[in-house]
Amino acid sequence: MNVPGFPSRGSGFESFLRESGAGLLRFAHVLTLDRAAAEDLTQETLIRVGLAWSRLRNDGNPVGYAQRTMVNVFLNERRRRKAIPVERVPENAREDPGLAAVDSAAVIRQILGSLPPKQRAAIAMRYLADLPDHQIGQLLGCTEATVRSQMSRGLSTLRARLAPER
């Protein structure tokens, strides 16, 4: 079934999905720190990439476009997110007993989650996607100096918060 505006079979989009889909999902997971949110973010990103596919083939950098789109969707969602009021707050919070087995991963996830979104995105792009400062700057829409500043602040926060854990 052909969807108007979406790539047809044989357009190269399917091979792009096979080659880059898993990497984009890993990148989304580092940004969101939540499997379901990462899947949603990846899906939204791939929809947008699919709709722009005819322009991307001429550009020659669909992975870069997808990463930029993912960062933009992630940051925009973070800006829009509002607290949802509930009628009654539970008395006692319960922790998932399965998390006890992965305590160190939970601590790291919690510390990463406390970073501002741009710092977390910059760190993810550097250490997960191994991108240089100029590409990170392009994806985040900022200068290389701002990327280095975001990285420095984020890493300082991580070091400070991880030191007591050791």
C-alpha atoms as a PDB file:
ATOM      1  CA  MET A   1       0.000   0.000   0.000  1.00  0.00           C
ATOM      2  CA  ASN A   2       1.418   3.373  -0.991  1.00  0.00           C
ATOM      3  CA  VAL A   3       0.956   6.279   1.359  1.00  0.00           C
ATOM      4  CA  PRO A   4       0.992   9.688  -0.348  1.00  0.00           C
ATOM      5  CA  GLY A   5       4.242  11.523   0.375  1.00  0.00           C
ATOM      6  CA  PHE A   6       5.929   8.427   1.819  1.00  0.00           C
ATOM      7  CA  PRO A   7       8.697   6.534  -0.052  1.00  0.00           C
ATOM      8  CA  SER A   8       7.635   3.634  -2.229  1.00  0.00           C
ATOM      9  CA  ARG A   9       9.281   0.226  -2.253  1.00  0.00           C
ATOM     10  CA  GLY A  10      12.628   0.263  -3.943  1.00  0.00           C
ATOM     11  CA  SER A  11      13.335   3.893  -3.093  1.00  0.00           C
ATOM     12  CA  GLY A  12      16.202   2.998  -0.776  1.00  0.00           C
ATOM     13  CA  PHE A  13      14.258   3.865   2.346  1.00  0.00           C
ATOM     14  CA  GLU A  14      13.908   0.200   3.339  1.00  0.00           C
ATOM     15  CA  SER A  15      17.667  -0.352   3.169  1.00  0.00           C
ATOM     16  CA  PHE A  16      18.177   2.860   5.182  1.00  0.00           C
ATOM     17  CA  LEU A  17      15.847   1.416   7.843  1.00  0.00           C
ATOM     18  CA  ARG A  18      17.730  -1.908   7.925  1.00  0.00           C
ATOM     19  CA  GLU A  19      21.136  -0.223   8.162  1.00  0.00           C
ATOM     20  CA  SER A  20      20.325   2.653  10.515  1.00  0.00           C
ATOM     21  CA  GLY A  21      17.207   1.709  12.467  1.00  0.00           C
ATOM     22  CA  ALA A  22      18.962  -0.080  15.337  1.00  0.00           C
ATOM     23  CA  GLY A  23      21.519   2.702  15.747  1.00  0.00           C
ATOM     24  CA  LEU A  24      18.792   5.340  15.808  1.00  0.00           C
ATOM     25  CA  LEU A  25      16.909   3.347  18.447  1.00  0.00           C
ATOM     26  CA  ARG A  26      20.055   3.127  20.616  1.00  0.00           C
ATOM     27  CA  PHE A  27      20.585   6.860  20.211  1.00  0.00           C
ATOM     28  CA  ALA A  28      16.957   7.539  21.183  1.00  0.00           C
ATOM     29  CA  HIS A  29      17.313   5.283  24.226  1.00  0.00           C
ATOM     30  CA  VAL A  30      20.275   7.308  25.484  1.00  0.00           C
ATOM     31  CA  LEU A  31      18.328  10.527  24.952  1.00  0.00           C
ATOM     32  CA  THR A  32      15.120   9.378  26.631  1.00  0.00           C
ATOM     33  CA  LEU A  33      16.454   6.772  29.097  1.00  0.00           C
ATOM     34  CA  ASP A  34      13.215   4.863  28.596  1.00  0.00           C
ATOM     35  CA  ARG A  35      12.639   1.989  26.166  1.00  0.00           C
ATOM     36  CA  ALA A  36       9.041   2.898  25.273  1.00  0.00           C
ATOM     37  CA  ALA A  37       9.844   6.592  24.863  1.00  0.00           C
ATOM     38  CA  ALA A  38      12.873   5.664  22.717  1.00  0.00           C
ATOM     39  CA  GLU A  39      10.690   3.544  20.458  1.00  0.00           C
ATOM     40  CA  ASP A  40       8.174   6.394  20.127  1.00  0.00           C
ATOM     41  CA  LEU A  41      10.946   8.895  19.407  1.00  0.00           C
ATOM     42  CA  THR A  42      12.487   6.595  16.795  1.00  0.00           C
ATOM     43  CA  GLN A  43       9.114   6.020  15.164  1.00  0.00           C
ATOM     44  CA  GLU A  44       8.350   9.748  14.985  1.00  0.00           C
ATOM     45  CA  THR A  45      11.829  10.395  13.581  1.00  0.00           C
ATOM     46  CA  LEU A  46      11.488   7.696  10.916  1.00  0.00           C
ATOM     47  CA  ILE A  47       8.087   9.034   9.873  1.00  0.00           C
ATOM     48  CA  ARG A  48       9.586  12.487   9.376  1.00  0.00           C
ATOM     49  CA  VAL A  49      12.590  11.072   7.524  1.00  0.00           C
ATOM     50  CA  GLY A  50      10.273   9.036   5.313  1.00  0.00           C
ATOM     51  CA  LEU A  51       8.230  12.094   4.426  1.00  0.00           C
ATOM     52  CA  ALA A  52      11.393  13.999   3.507  1.00  0.00           C
ATOM     53  CA  TRP A  53      13.046  11.039   1.750  1.00  0.00           C
ATOM     54  CA  SER A  54      12.895  12.459  -1.786  1.00  0.00           C
ATOM     55  CA  ARG A  55      14.887  15.525  -0.652  1.00  0.00           C
ATOM     56  CA  LEU A  56      17.325  13.423   1.402  1.00  0.00           C
ATOM     57  CA  ARG A  57      18.425  11.186  -1.433  1.00  0.00           C
ATOM     58  CA  ASN A  58      19.748  14.261  -3.211  1.00  0.00           C
ATOM     59  CA  ASP A  59      21.481  15.479  -0.029  1.00  0.00           C
ATOM     60  CA  GLY A  60      23.231  12.170   0.550  1.00  0.00           C
ATOM     61  CA  ASN A  61      23.193  12.247   4.365  1.00  0.00           C
ATOM     62  CA  PRO A  62      19.986  10.607   5.607  1.00  0.00           C
ATOM     63  CA  VAL A  63      21.603   9.450   8.886  1.00  0.00           C
ATOM     64  CA  GLY A  64      22.653  12.986   9.771  1.00  0.00           C
ATOM     65  CA  TYR A  65      19.185  14.260   8.912  1.00  0.00           C
ATOM     66  CA  ALA A  66      17.615  11.534  11.035  1.00  0.00           C
ATOM     67  CA  GLN A  67      19.872  12.329  14.005  1.00  0.00           C
ATOM     68  CA  ARG A  68      19.118  16.039  13.716  1.00  0.00           C
ATOM     69  CA  THR A  69      15.401  15.315  13.465  1.00  0.00           C
ATOM     70  CA  MET A  70      15.574  13.021  16.488  1.00  0.00           C
ATOM     71  CA  VAL A  71      17.346  15.623  18.615  1.00  0.00           C
ATOM     72  CA  ASN A  72      14.828  18.288  17.566  1.00  0.00           C
ATOM     73  CA  VAL A  73      11.825  16.069  18.319  1.00  0.00           C
ATOM     74  CA  PHE A  74      13.365  15.092  21.674  1.00  0.00           C
ATOM     75  CA  LEU A  75      14.111  18.676  22.709  1.00  0.00           C
ATOM     76  CA  ASN A  76      10.722  19.963  21.532  1.00  0.00           C
ATOM     77  CA  GLU A  77       8.911  17.218  23.431  1.00  0.00           C
ATOM     78  CA  ARG A  78      10.874  18.065  26.580  1.00  0.00           C
ATOM     79  CA  ARG A  79       9.846  21.718  26.250  1.00  0.00           C
ATOM     80  CA  ARG A  80       6.165  20.853  25.806  1.00  0.00           C
ATOM     81  CA  ARG A  81       5.962  18.298  28.575  1.00  0.00           C
ATOM     82  CA  LYS A  82       3.794  19.520  31.409  1.00  0.00           C
ATOM     83  CA  ALA A  83       2.959  17.946  34.730  1.00  0.00           C
ATOM     84  CA  ILE A  84      -0.298  16.013  34.669  1.00  0.00           C
ATOM     85  CA  PRO A  85      -2.407  16.671  37.756  1.00  0.00           C
ATOM     86  CA  VAL A  86      -3.809  13.655  39.562  1.00  0.00           C
ATOM     87  CA  GLU A  87      -6.677  13.507  41.978  1.00  0.00           C
ATOM     88  CA  ARG A  88      -4.762  11.692  44.704  1.00  0.00           C
ATOM     89  CA  VAL A  89      -1.038  11.110  45.156  1.00  0.00           C
ATOM     90  CA  PRO A  90      -0.208   7.593  46.393  1.00  0.00           C
ATOM     91  CA  GLU A  91       0.992   7.342  50.002  1.00  0.00           C
ATOM     92  CA  ASN A  92       3.976   5.076  49.341  1.00  0.00           C
ATOM     93  CA  ALA A  93       5.994   4.902  46.176  1.00  0.00           C
ATOM     94  CA  ARG A  94       7.039   1.398  45.185  1.00  0.00           C
ATOM     95  CA  GLU A  95      10.241   0.570  43.372  1.00  0.00           C
ATOM     96  CA  ASP A  96      10.402  -2.184  40.821  1.00  0.00           C
ATOM     97  CA  PRO A  97      12.225  -5.126  42.486  1.00  0.00           C
ATOM     98  CA  GLY A  98      13.792  -6.041  39.141  1.00  0.00           C
ATOM     99  CA  LEU A  99      15.832  -2.852  39.220  1.00  0.00           C
ATOM    100  CA  ALA A 100      17.807  -4.025  42.249  1.00  0.00           C
ATOM    101  CA  ALA A 101      19.775  -6.380  40.007  1.00  0.00           C
ATOM    102  CA  VAL A 102      20.895  -3.521  37.825  1.00  0.00           C
ATOM    103  CA  ASP A 103      21.542  -0.997  40.577  1.00  0.00           C
ATOM    104  CA  SER A 104      24.577   0.601  38.963  1.00  0.00           C
ATOM    105  CA  ALA A 105      22.762   0.982  35.639  1.00  0.00           C
ATOM    106  CA  ALA A 106      19.838   2.566  37.481  1.00  0.00           C
ATOM    107  CA  VAL A 107      22.174   5.020  39.218  1.00  0.00           C
ATOM    108  CA  ILE A 108      23.774   5.987  35.914  1.00  0.00           C
ATOM    109  CA  ARG A 109      20.365   6.285  34.257  1.00  0.00           C
ATOM    110  CA  GLN A 110      19.176   8.509  37.109  1.00  0.00           C
ATOM    111  CA  ILE A 111      22.256  10.735  36.901  1.00  0.00           C
ATOM    112  CA  LEU A 112      21.978  10.981  33.104  1.00  0.00           C
ATOM    113  CA  GLY A 113      18.296  11.776  33.499  1.00  0.00           C
ATOM    114  CA  SER A 114      19.123  14.698  35.766  1.00  0.00           C
ATOM    115  CA  LEU A 115      21.205  16.392  33.063  1.00  0.00           C
ATOM    116  CA  PRO A 116      19.520  19.087  30.979  1.00  0.00           C
ATOM    117  CA  PRO A 117      18.403  17.696  27.599  1.00  0.00           C
ATOM    118  CA  LYS A 118      21.045  19.500  25.500  1.00  0.00           C
ATOM    119  CA  GLN A 119      23.871  18.292  27.763  1.00  0.00           C
ATOM    120  CA  ARG A 120      22.555  14.728  27.631  1.00  0.00           C
ATOM    121  CA  ALA A 121      22.154  14.946  23.850  1.00  0.00           C
ATOM    122  CA  ALA A 122      25.690  16.314  23.404  1.00  0.00           C
ATOM    123  CA  ILE A 123      27.168  13.548  25.570  1.00  0.00           C
ATOM    124  CA  ALA A 124      25.121  10.901  23.755  1.00  0.00           C
ATOM    125  CA  MET A 125      26.229  12.150  20.358  1.00  0.00           C
ATOM    126  CA  ARG A 126      29.892  12.257  21.396  1.00  0.00           C
ATOM    127  CA  TYR A 127      30.136   8.926  23.211  1.00  0.00           C
ATOM    128  CA  LEU A 128      27.437   6.876  21.496  1.00  0.00           C
ATOM    129  CA  ALA A 129      27.513   8.191  17.933  1.00  0.00           C
ATOM    130  CA  ASP A 130      31.186   9.298  18.108  1.00  0.00           C
ATOM    131  CA  LEU A 131      30.402  12.594  16.374  1.00  0.00           C
ATOM    132  CA  PRO A 132      32.850  15.524  16.289  1.00  0.00           C
ATOM    133  CA  ASP A 133      31.974  18.918  17.800  1.00  0.00           C
ATOM    134  CA  HIS A 134      30.995  20.544  14.505  1.00  0.00           C
ATOM    135  CA  GLN A 135      28.457  17.811  13.694  1.00  0.00           C
ATOM    136  CA  ILE A 136      27.024  17.888  17.217  1.00  0.00           C
ATOM    137  CA  GLY A 137      26.719  21.656  16.870  1.00  0.00           C
ATOM    138  CA  GLN A 138      24.855  21.250  13.595  1.00  0.00           C
ATOM    139  CA  LEU A 139      22.485  18.721  15.147  1.00  0.00           C
ATOM    140  CA  LEU A 140      21.840  20.837  18.237  1.00  0.00           C
ATOM    141  CA  GLY A 141      21.709  24.095  16.306  1.00  0.00           C
ATOM    142  CA  CYS A 142      24.572  25.745  18.192  1.00  0.00           C
ATOM    143  CA  THR A 143      28.257  26.601  17.820  1.00  0.00           C
ATOM    144  CA  GLU A 144      31.178  24.275  18.486  1.00  0.00           C
ATOM    145  CA  ALA A 145      32.059  26.371  21.539  1.00  0.00           C
ATOM    146  CA  THR A 146      28.564  25.813  22.933  1.00  0.00           C
ATOM    147  CA  VAL A 147      28.921  22.074  22.299  1.00  0.00           C
ATOM    148  CA  ARG A 148      32.188  22.019  24.249  1.00  0.00           C
ATOM    149  CA  SER A 149      30.559  24.021  27.039  1.00  0.00           C
ATOM    150  CA  GLN A 150      27.565  21.647  27.182  1.00  0.00           C
ATOM    151  CA  MET A 151      29.913  18.643  27.193  1.00  0.00           C
ATOM    152  CA  SER A 152      32.111  20.136  29.910  1.00  0.00           C
ATOM    153  CA  ARG A 153      29.179  20.991  32.159  1.00  0.00           C
ATOM    154  CA  GLY A 154      27.526  17.626  31.603  1.00  0.00           C
ATOM    155  CA  LEU A 155      30.712  15.655  32.286  1.00  0.00           C
ATOM    156  CA  SER A 156      31.459  17.743  35.400  1.00  0.00           C
ATOM    157  CA  THR A 157      27.989  16.972  36.704  1.00  0.00           C
ATOM    158  CA  LEU A 158      28.412  13.267  35.933  1.00  0.00           C
ATOM    159  CA  ARG A 159      31.818  13.125  37.658  1.00  0.00           C
ATOM    160  CA  ALA A 160      30.535  14.964  40.714  1.00  0.00           C
ATOM    161  CA  ARG A 161      27.505  12.730  41.073  1.00  0.00           C
ATOM    162  CA  LEU A 162      29.351   9.502  40.358  1.00  0.00           C
ATOM    163  CA  ALA A 163      32.184  10.218  42.824  1.00  0.00           C
ATOM    164  CA  PRO A 164      30.044   9.547  45.951  1.00  0.00           C
ATOM    165  CA  GLU A 165      28.738   6.331  44.335  1.00  0.00           C
ATOM    166  CA  ARG A 166      32.256   4.883  44.086  1.00  0.00           C
END
